[in-house]
N, C-alpha and C. Protein backbone atom coordinates (compact mmCIF):
# COMPACT_ATOMS: atom_id res chain seq x y z
N UNK A 1 0.81 -1.18 0.00
CA UNK A 1 0.00 0.00 0.00
C UNK A 1 0.86 1.26 0.00
N UNK A 2 1.96 1.21 0.73
CA UNK A 2 2.79 2.40 0.81
C UNK A 2 3.30 2.80 -0.57
N UNK A 3 3.63 1.81 -1.41
CA UNK A 3 4.09 2.13 -2.77
C UNK A 3 2.94 2.68 -3.61
N UNK A 4 1.75 2.10 -3.43
CA UNK A 4 0.58 2.59 -4.17
C UNK A 4 0.28 4.05 -3.85
N UNK A 5 0.46 4.41 -2.62
CA UNK A 5 0.14 5.77 -2.19
C UNK A 5 1.31 6.74 -2.40
N UNK A 6 2.47 6.20 -2.85
CA UNK A 6 3.61 7.06 -3.13
C UNK A 6 4.48 7.39 -1.94
N UNK A 7 4.33 6.66 -0.84
CA UNK A 7 5.15 6.91 0.34
C UNK A 7 6.55 6.33 0.21
N UNK A 8 6.71 5.30 -0.63
CA UNK A 8 8.03 4.68 -0.82
C UNK A 8 8.11 4.11 -2.23
N UNK A 9 9.34 3.93 -2.68
CA UNK A 9 9.54 3.27 -3.97
C UNK A 9 10.46 2.06 -3.80
N UNK A 10 10.69 1.65 -2.55
CA UNK A 10 11.56 0.51 -2.26
C UNK A 10 10.85 -0.80 -2.59
N UNK A 11 11.67 -1.84 -2.79
CA UNK A 11 11.17 -3.18 -3.09
C UNK A 11 10.45 -3.76 -1.87
N UNK A 12 9.50 -4.64 -2.12
CA UNK A 12 8.78 -5.31 -1.05
C UNK A 12 9.75 -6.16 -0.23
N UNK A 13 9.80 -5.97 1.06
CA UNK A 13 10.76 -6.65 1.94
C UNK A 13 10.56 -8.16 2.00
N UNK A 14 9.34 -8.62 1.85
CA UNK A 14 9.07 -10.05 2.00
C UNK A 14 9.05 -10.79 0.67
N UNK A 15 9.36 -10.11 -0.40
CA UNK A 15 9.37 -10.74 -1.72
C UNK A 15 10.43 -11.84 -1.74
N UNK A 16 10.04 -13.02 -2.18
CA UNK A 16 10.96 -14.15 -2.27
C UNK A 16 10.96 -15.05 -1.05
N UNK A 17 10.30 -14.66 0.01
CA UNK A 17 10.24 -15.49 1.21
C UNK A 17 9.06 -16.44 1.06
N UNK A 18 9.35 -17.73 1.27
CA UNK A 18 8.29 -18.74 1.13
C UNK A 18 7.38 -18.74 2.35
N UNK A 19 6.13 -19.00 2.10
CA UNK A 19 5.15 -19.10 3.18
C UNK A 19 5.33 -20.43 3.91
N UNK A 20 5.00 -20.42 5.18
CA UNK A 20 5.02 -21.65 5.96
C UNK A 20 3.77 -22.45 5.61
N UNK A 21 3.98 -23.69 5.23
CA UNK A 21 2.84 -24.54 4.89
C UNK A 21 2.33 -25.20 6.17
N UNK A 22 1.08 -24.95 6.46
CA UNK A 22 0.47 -25.53 7.65
C UNK A 22 -0.35 -26.74 7.26
N UNK A 23 -0.25 -27.76 8.09
CA UNK A 23 -1.05 -28.95 7.87
C UNK A 23 -2.39 -28.77 8.59
N UNK A 24 -3.50 -28.84 7.87
CA UNK A 24 -4.80 -28.67 8.53
C UNK A 24 -5.10 -29.83 9.48
N UNK A 25 -5.86 -29.52 10.52
CA UNK A 25 -6.27 -30.57 11.45
C UNK A 25 -7.31 -31.45 10.79
N UNK A 26 -7.27 -32.71 11.10
CA UNK A 26 -8.28 -33.61 10.54
C UNK A 26 -8.95 -34.44 11.64
N UNK A 27 -9.02 -33.86 12.84
CA UNK A 27 -9.64 -34.56 13.96
C UNK A 27 -11.15 -34.39 13.90
N UNK A 28 -11.85 -35.48 14.07
CA UNK A 28 -13.30 -35.44 14.13
C UNK A 28 -13.71 -35.95 15.51
N UNK A 29 -14.44 -35.14 16.25
CA UNK A 29 -14.90 -35.55 17.57
C UNK A 29 -16.13 -36.43 17.40
N UNK A 30 -15.96 -37.72 17.65
CA UNK A 30 -17.10 -38.64 17.53
C UNK A 30 -18.01 -38.48 18.75
N UNK A 31 -19.07 -39.24 18.77
CA UNK A 31 -20.08 -39.11 19.82
C UNK A 31 -19.50 -39.35 21.21
N UNK A 32 -18.57 -40.31 21.33
CA UNK A 32 -17.98 -40.61 22.64
C UNK A 32 -17.19 -39.42 23.18
N UNK A 33 -16.40 -38.80 22.32
CA UNK A 33 -15.60 -37.64 22.73
C UNK A 33 -16.53 -36.47 23.06
N UNK A 34 -17.48 -36.22 22.19
CA UNK A 34 -18.44 -35.12 22.40
C UNK A 34 -19.16 -35.30 23.74
N UNK A 35 -19.67 -36.50 23.99
CA UNK A 35 -20.42 -36.76 25.23
C UNK A 35 -19.54 -36.64 26.46
N UNK A 36 -18.27 -37.06 26.36
CA UNK A 36 -17.36 -36.97 27.49
C UNK A 36 -17.09 -35.51 27.86
N UNK A 37 -16.85 -34.68 26.86
CA UNK A 37 -16.62 -33.25 27.11
C UNK A 37 -17.91 -32.59 27.62
N UNK A 38 -19.02 -32.94 27.01
CA UNK A 38 -20.32 -32.37 27.39
C UNK A 38 -20.65 -32.70 28.85
N UNK A 39 -20.32 -33.91 29.28
CA UNK A 39 -20.60 -34.33 30.66
C UNK A 39 -19.82 -33.50 31.67
N UNK A 40 -18.65 -33.01 31.29
CA UNK A 40 -17.80 -32.22 32.19
C UNK A 40 -17.99 -30.71 32.01
N UNK A 41 -18.84 -30.32 31.07
CA UNK A 41 -19.01 -28.90 30.74
C UNK A 41 -19.91 -28.19 31.75
N UNK A 42 -19.65 -26.90 31.92
CA UNK A 42 -20.53 -26.06 32.74
C UNK A 42 -21.77 -25.73 31.91
N UNK A 43 -22.74 -25.13 32.56
CA UNK A 43 -24.04 -24.86 31.94
C UNK A 43 -23.93 -24.03 30.65
N UNK A 44 -23.15 -22.93 30.70
CA UNK A 44 -23.06 -22.07 29.52
C UNK A 44 -22.30 -22.73 28.37
N UNK A 45 -21.34 -23.60 28.70
CA UNK A 45 -20.63 -24.33 27.64
C UNK A 45 -21.57 -25.35 27.00
N UNK A 46 -22.39 -26.00 27.80
CA UNK A 46 -23.38 -26.93 27.24
C UNK A 46 -24.33 -26.21 26.29
N UNK A 47 -24.75 -25.01 26.69
CA UNK A 47 -25.62 -24.21 25.83
C UNK A 47 -24.93 -23.92 24.50
N UNK A 48 -23.68 -23.48 24.57
CA UNK A 48 -22.93 -23.15 23.36
C UNK A 48 -22.73 -24.39 22.48
N UNK A 49 -22.41 -25.52 23.10
CA UNK A 49 -22.22 -26.76 22.34
C UNK A 49 -23.52 -27.18 21.66
N UNK A 50 -24.62 -27.11 22.39
CA UNK A 50 -25.92 -27.48 21.82
C UNK A 50 -26.30 -26.57 20.65
N UNK A 51 -26.13 -25.26 20.85
CA UNK A 51 -26.47 -24.32 19.79
C UNK A 51 -25.59 -24.51 18.56
N UNK A 52 -24.30 -24.74 18.77
CA UNK A 52 -23.39 -24.96 17.64
C UNK A 52 -23.75 -26.24 16.90
N UNK A 53 -24.03 -27.29 17.64
CA UNK A 53 -24.37 -28.58 17.02
C UNK A 53 -25.67 -28.51 16.24
N UNK A 54 -26.67 -27.88 16.82
CA UNK A 54 -28.00 -27.86 16.20
C UNK A 54 -28.15 -26.83 15.09
N UNK A 55 -27.31 -25.79 15.10
CA UNK A 55 -27.40 -24.77 14.06
C UNK A 55 -26.31 -24.91 13.00
N UNK A 56 -25.23 -25.62 13.33
CA UNK A 56 -24.12 -25.75 12.39
C UNK A 56 -23.31 -24.47 12.26
N UNK A 57 -23.37 -23.60 13.25
CA UNK A 57 -22.68 -22.32 13.19
C UNK A 57 -21.33 -22.37 13.89
N UNK A 58 -20.46 -21.47 13.50
CA UNK A 58 -19.14 -21.33 14.12
C UNK A 58 -19.32 -20.78 15.54
N UNK A 59 -18.32 -21.03 16.41
CA UNK A 59 -18.43 -20.53 17.79
C UNK A 59 -18.70 -19.03 17.88
N UNK A 60 -18.04 -18.23 17.05
CA UNK A 60 -18.25 -16.78 17.09
C UNK A 60 -19.70 -16.43 16.76
N UNK A 61 -20.29 -17.17 15.83
CA UNK A 61 -21.68 -16.91 15.46
C UNK A 61 -22.64 -17.33 16.57
N UNK A 62 -22.30 -18.41 17.26
CA UNK A 62 -23.13 -18.87 18.38
C UNK A 62 -23.10 -17.84 19.52
N UNK A 63 -21.92 -17.31 19.81
CA UNK A 63 -21.80 -16.34 20.89
C UNK A 63 -22.53 -15.03 20.58
N UNK A 64 -22.75 -14.77 19.31
CA UNK A 64 -23.44 -13.56 18.87
C UNK A 64 -24.96 -13.69 18.94
N UNK A 65 -25.48 -14.91 19.10
CA UNK A 65 -26.93 -15.14 19.11
C UNK A 65 -27.57 -14.48 20.33
N UNK A 66 -28.69 -13.79 20.08
CA UNK A 66 -29.39 -13.07 21.13
C UNK A 66 -30.87 -13.46 21.13
N UNK A 67 -31.52 -13.22 22.24
CA UNK A 67 -32.95 -13.49 22.32
C UNK A 67 -33.72 -12.63 21.32
N UNK A 68 -33.20 -11.46 21.02
CA UNK A 68 -33.87 -10.57 20.06
C UNK A 68 -33.77 -11.09 18.62
N UNK A 69 -32.92 -12.10 18.39
CA UNK A 69 -32.81 -12.71 17.05
C UNK A 69 -33.92 -13.72 16.79
N UNK A 70 -34.74 -13.98 17.80
CA UNK A 70 -35.84 -14.93 17.64
C UNK A 70 -37.06 -14.15 17.18
N UNK A 71 -37.48 -14.46 15.94
CA UNK A 71 -38.63 -13.75 15.34
C UNK A 71 -39.47 -14.73 14.54
N UNK A 72 -40.77 -14.62 14.68
CA UNK A 72 -41.70 -15.42 13.88
C UNK A 72 -41.38 -16.91 13.89
N UNK A 73 -41.06 -17.44 15.05
CA UNK A 73 -40.82 -18.87 15.18
C UNK A 73 -39.52 -19.37 14.59
N UNK A 74 -38.56 -18.46 14.40
CA UNK A 74 -37.26 -18.88 13.89
C UNK A 74 -36.15 -18.05 14.53
N UNK A 75 -34.95 -18.60 14.48
CA UNK A 75 -33.76 -17.90 14.96
C UNK A 75 -33.06 -17.33 13.74
N UNK A 76 -32.90 -16.02 13.72
CA UNK A 76 -32.25 -15.36 12.60
C UNK A 76 -30.79 -15.12 12.94
N UNK A 77 -29.92 -15.59 12.05
CA UNK A 77 -28.48 -15.52 12.28
C UNK A 77 -27.82 -14.87 11.07
N UNK A 78 -26.87 -13.97 11.32
CA UNK A 78 -26.02 -13.48 10.24
C UNK A 78 -24.61 -13.93 10.57
N UNK A 79 -24.02 -14.72 9.68
CA UNK A 79 -22.70 -15.26 9.93
C UNK A 79 -21.64 -14.17 9.86
N UNK A 80 -20.67 -14.25 10.77
CA UNK A 80 -19.57 -13.28 10.78
C UNK A 80 -18.70 -13.39 9.53
N UNK A 81 -18.31 -14.61 9.20
CA UNK A 81 -17.32 -14.82 8.15
C UNK A 81 -17.87 -14.53 6.76
N UNK A 82 -19.04 -15.05 6.45
CA UNK A 82 -19.58 -14.94 5.09
C UNK A 82 -20.66 -13.87 4.96
N UNK A 83 -21.12 -13.33 6.09
CA UNK A 83 -22.21 -12.35 6.14
C UNK A 83 -23.54 -12.92 5.63
N UNK A 84 -23.60 -14.23 5.47
CA UNK A 84 -24.82 -14.89 5.00
C UNK A 84 -25.88 -14.85 6.10
N UNK A 85 -27.12 -14.57 5.72
CA UNK A 85 -28.22 -14.53 6.67
C UNK A 85 -29.01 -15.83 6.60
N UNK A 86 -29.33 -16.37 7.76
CA UNK A 86 -30.06 -17.63 7.86
C UNK A 86 -31.25 -17.48 8.79
N UNK A 87 -32.28 -18.24 8.50
CA UNK A 87 -33.43 -18.36 9.41
C UNK A 87 -33.57 -19.83 9.74
N UNK A 88 -33.41 -20.16 11.00
CA UNK A 88 -33.47 -21.55 11.45
C UNK A 88 -34.76 -21.73 12.23
N UNK A 89 -35.60 -22.63 11.75
CA UNK A 89 -36.91 -22.84 12.37
C UNK A 89 -36.80 -23.43 13.77
N UNK A 90 -37.65 -22.95 14.65
CA UNK A 90 -37.72 -23.45 16.02
C UNK A 90 -38.92 -24.36 16.21
N UNK A 91 -39.75 -24.43 15.19
CA UNK A 91 -40.97 -25.22 15.26
C UNK A 91 -41.32 -25.69 13.85
N UNK A 92 -41.77 -26.93 13.75
CA UNK A 92 -42.22 -27.45 12.47
C UNK A 92 -43.48 -28.26 12.65
N UNK A 93 -44.53 -27.94 11.92
CA UNK A 93 -45.82 -28.62 12.02
C UNK A 93 -46.36 -28.60 13.46
N UNK A 94 -46.13 -27.49 14.15
CA UNK A 94 -46.63 -27.36 15.51
C UNK A 94 -45.81 -28.08 16.56
N UNK A 95 -44.72 -28.71 16.14
CA UNK A 95 -43.86 -29.45 17.06
C UNK A 95 -42.54 -28.69 17.21
N UNK A 96 -42.12 -28.51 18.45
CA UNK A 96 -40.88 -27.79 18.74
C UNK A 96 -39.68 -28.60 18.24
N UNK A 97 -38.75 -27.96 17.55
CA UNK A 97 -37.52 -28.63 17.10
C UNK A 97 -36.57 -28.78 18.29
N UNK A 98 -35.52 -29.55 18.11
CA UNK A 98 -34.52 -29.70 19.18
C UNK A 98 -33.91 -28.35 19.53
N UNK A 99 -33.66 -27.53 18.50
CA UNK A 99 -33.12 -26.19 18.75
C UNK A 99 -34.11 -25.36 19.56
N UNK A 100 -35.38 -25.46 19.23
CA UNK A 100 -36.41 -24.76 19.99
C UNK A 100 -36.43 -25.19 21.44
N UNK A 101 -36.26 -26.49 21.67
CA UNK A 101 -36.23 -27.01 23.05
C UNK A 101 -35.03 -26.49 23.82
N UNK A 102 -33.88 -26.39 23.15
CA UNK A 102 -32.68 -25.86 23.80
C UNK A 102 -32.90 -24.40 24.19
N UNK A 103 -33.47 -23.62 23.28
CA UNK A 103 -33.73 -22.21 23.57
C UNK A 103 -34.76 -22.08 24.70
N UNK A 104 -35.76 -22.94 24.71
CA UNK A 104 -36.74 -22.94 25.81
C UNK A 104 -36.05 -23.24 27.14
N UNK A 105 -35.13 -24.20 27.13
CA UNK A 105 -34.37 -24.55 28.33
C UNK A 105 -33.56 -23.36 28.83
N UNK A 106 -32.93 -22.65 27.90
CA UNK A 106 -32.13 -21.47 28.26
C UNK A 106 -33.02 -20.38 28.83
N UNK A 107 -34.17 -20.14 28.19
CA UNK A 107 -35.11 -19.11 28.66
C UNK A 107 -35.66 -19.42 30.05
N UNK A 108 -35.90 -20.70 30.32
CA UNK A 108 -36.52 -21.11 31.59
C UNK A 108 -35.56 -21.03 32.77
N UNK A 109 -34.29 -20.94 32.50
CA UNK A 109 -33.29 -20.94 33.56
C UNK A 109 -33.40 -19.68 34.41
N UNK A 110 -33.36 -19.87 35.71
CA UNK A 110 -33.42 -18.75 36.64
C UNK A 110 -32.05 -18.07 36.69
N UNK A 111 -32.04 -16.78 36.45
CA UNK A 111 -30.80 -16.00 36.49
C UNK A 111 -31.03 -14.76 37.35
N UNK A 112 -29.94 -14.26 37.92
CA UNK A 112 -30.03 -13.03 38.71
C UNK A 112 -30.44 -11.87 37.80
N UNK A 113 -29.81 -11.81 36.64
CA UNK A 113 -30.12 -10.79 35.64
C UNK A 113 -30.27 -11.50 34.31
N UNK A 114 -31.32 -11.20 33.59
CA UNK A 114 -31.52 -11.82 32.28
C UNK A 114 -30.87 -10.92 31.24
N UNK A 115 -29.83 -11.46 30.58
CA UNK A 115 -29.15 -10.70 29.55
C UNK A 115 -29.78 -10.94 28.19
N UNK A 116 -29.18 -10.38 27.18
CA UNK A 116 -29.69 -10.53 25.82
C UNK A 116 -29.13 -11.77 25.12
N UNK A 117 -27.93 -12.20 25.51
CA UNK A 117 -27.24 -13.30 24.82
C UNK A 117 -27.85 -14.64 25.18
N UNK A 118 -27.93 -15.52 24.17
CA UNK A 118 -28.40 -16.89 24.45
C UNK A 118 -27.38 -17.64 25.29
N UNK A 119 -26.09 -17.39 25.04
CA UNK A 119 -25.04 -18.04 25.81
C UNK A 119 -24.52 -17.03 26.82
N UNK A 120 -24.91 -17.22 28.07
CA UNK A 120 -24.49 -16.28 29.11
C UNK A 120 -24.26 -17.02 30.42
N UNK A 121 -23.57 -16.35 31.33
CA UNK A 121 -23.27 -16.93 32.63
C UNK A 121 -24.50 -16.88 33.52
N UNK A 122 -24.39 -17.44 34.70
CA UNK A 122 -25.51 -17.43 35.64
C UNK A 122 -25.84 -16.01 36.10
N UNK A 123 -24.90 -15.08 35.92
CA UNK A 123 -25.13 -13.68 36.27
C UNK A 123 -25.74 -12.89 35.11
N UNK A 124 -25.96 -13.56 33.98
CA UNK A 124 -26.57 -12.89 32.84
C UNK A 124 -25.60 -12.20 31.91
N UNK A 125 -24.31 -12.39 32.14
CA UNK A 125 -23.29 -11.76 31.30
C UNK A 125 -23.03 -12.63 30.08
N UNK A 126 -23.09 -12.03 28.90
CA UNK A 126 -22.82 -12.76 27.66
C UNK A 126 -21.38 -13.26 27.63
N UNK A 127 -21.20 -14.45 27.11
CA UNK A 127 -19.88 -15.07 27.06
C UNK A 127 -19.13 -14.60 25.82
N UNK A 128 -17.84 -14.34 25.97
CA UNK A 128 -16.98 -13.98 24.85
C UNK A 128 -16.20 -15.20 24.38
N UNK A 129 -15.40 -15.02 23.34
CA UNK A 129 -14.68 -16.16 22.77
C UNK A 129 -13.61 -16.71 23.71
N UNK A 130 -12.89 -15.83 24.42
CA UNK A 130 -11.85 -16.32 25.32
C UNK A 130 -12.43 -17.08 26.51
N UNK A 131 -13.43 -16.54 27.21
CA UNK A 131 -14.03 -17.31 28.30
C UNK A 131 -14.63 -18.64 27.82
N UNK A 132 -15.19 -18.65 26.62
CA UNK A 132 -15.72 -19.91 26.07
C UNK A 132 -14.59 -20.91 25.86
N UNK A 133 -13.48 -20.44 25.29
CA UNK A 133 -12.34 -21.31 25.04
C UNK A 133 -11.79 -21.87 26.35
N UNK A 134 -11.68 -21.03 27.39
CA UNK A 134 -11.18 -21.47 28.69
C UNK A 134 -12.10 -22.55 29.27
N UNK A 135 -13.40 -22.33 29.20
CA UNK A 135 -14.35 -23.32 29.71
C UNK A 135 -14.26 -24.63 28.92
N UNK A 136 -14.08 -24.52 27.61
CA UNK A 136 -13.95 -25.73 26.79
C UNK A 136 -12.67 -26.48 27.14
N UNK A 137 -11.56 -25.77 27.30
CA UNK A 137 -10.30 -26.41 27.65
C UNK A 137 -10.39 -27.13 28.99
N UNK A 138 -11.06 -26.50 29.95
CA UNK A 138 -11.24 -27.14 31.26
C UNK A 138 -12.08 -28.41 31.15
N UNK A 139 -13.17 -28.33 30.40
CA UNK A 139 -14.05 -29.50 30.23
C UNK A 139 -13.32 -30.61 29.49
N UNK A 140 -12.56 -30.25 28.46
CA UNK A 140 -11.81 -31.24 27.69
C UNK A 140 -10.75 -31.91 28.56
N UNK A 141 -10.05 -31.12 29.38
CA UNK A 141 -9.03 -31.68 30.28
C UNK A 141 -9.67 -32.61 31.31
N UNK A 142 -10.80 -32.21 31.87
CA UNK A 142 -11.51 -33.05 32.84
C UNK A 142 -11.99 -34.34 32.19
N UNK A 143 -12.46 -34.26 30.96
CA UNK A 143 -12.92 -35.45 30.24
C UNK A 143 -11.74 -36.38 29.94
N UNK A 144 -10.61 -35.80 29.56
CA UNK A 144 -9.41 -36.60 29.28
C UNK A 144 -8.91 -37.29 30.54
N UNK A 145 -8.95 -36.57 31.66
CA UNK A 145 -8.53 -37.14 32.94
C UNK A 145 -9.44 -38.29 33.35
N UNK A 146 -10.73 -38.09 33.19
CA UNK A 146 -11.69 -39.14 33.53
C UNK A 146 -11.50 -40.36 32.63
N UNK A 147 -11.21 -40.13 31.36
CA UNK A 147 -10.98 -41.25 30.43
C UNK A 147 -9.71 -42.00 30.79
N UNK A 148 -8.65 -41.28 31.18
CA UNK A 148 -7.40 -41.95 31.53
C UNK A 148 -7.55 -42.75 32.83
N UNK A 149 -8.38 -42.27 33.75
CA UNK A 149 -8.63 -43.02 34.98
C UNK A 149 -9.37 -44.32 34.69
N UNK A 150 -10.18 -44.31 33.64
CA UNK A 150 -10.91 -45.52 33.24
C UNK A 150 -10.07 -46.41 32.34
N UNK A 151 -8.86 -45.93 31.98
CA UNK A 151 -7.97 -46.72 31.15
C UNK A 151 -8.24 -46.59 29.66
N UNK A 152 -9.01 -45.59 29.27
CA UNK A 152 -9.29 -45.36 27.85
C UNK A 152 -8.18 -44.48 27.27
N UNK A 153 -7.55 -44.95 26.21
CA UNK A 153 -6.42 -44.24 25.61
C UNK A 153 -6.88 -43.03 24.82
N UNK A 154 -7.87 -43.19 23.98
CA UNK A 154 -8.32 -42.08 23.12
C UNK A 154 -9.32 -41.28 23.88
């Protein structure tokens, strides 16, 4: 950009440097792993896991979900990465979907303060990405410890 704007006429410093090739992860959490982590998860992490599983959304999109996004029997989501807008039904043929049941469970929970976020702490504070990651790491470590105590390698 600096050359485009006329601030410099020097050569690009990184020209000729090869990029580091990263190997993508190919781990798939099967039902046993998912259930083990879920069993050790706190309430708000369970909510986030359920919402992510049932909506197919990325963690950042799940944390952005609010009660005000529920309109006309559906959850309206705008994805961060692609900006794509989705409407996910909470009811079909008069029967509540699994996602609808999860949202009902979250709404029914007694909290000191009711916040706007679907994923929030017992104090009503919406969860951010770092606190979610910390809670997930703790649940995963507890699940791994429980599995090793039972003699399960994976």
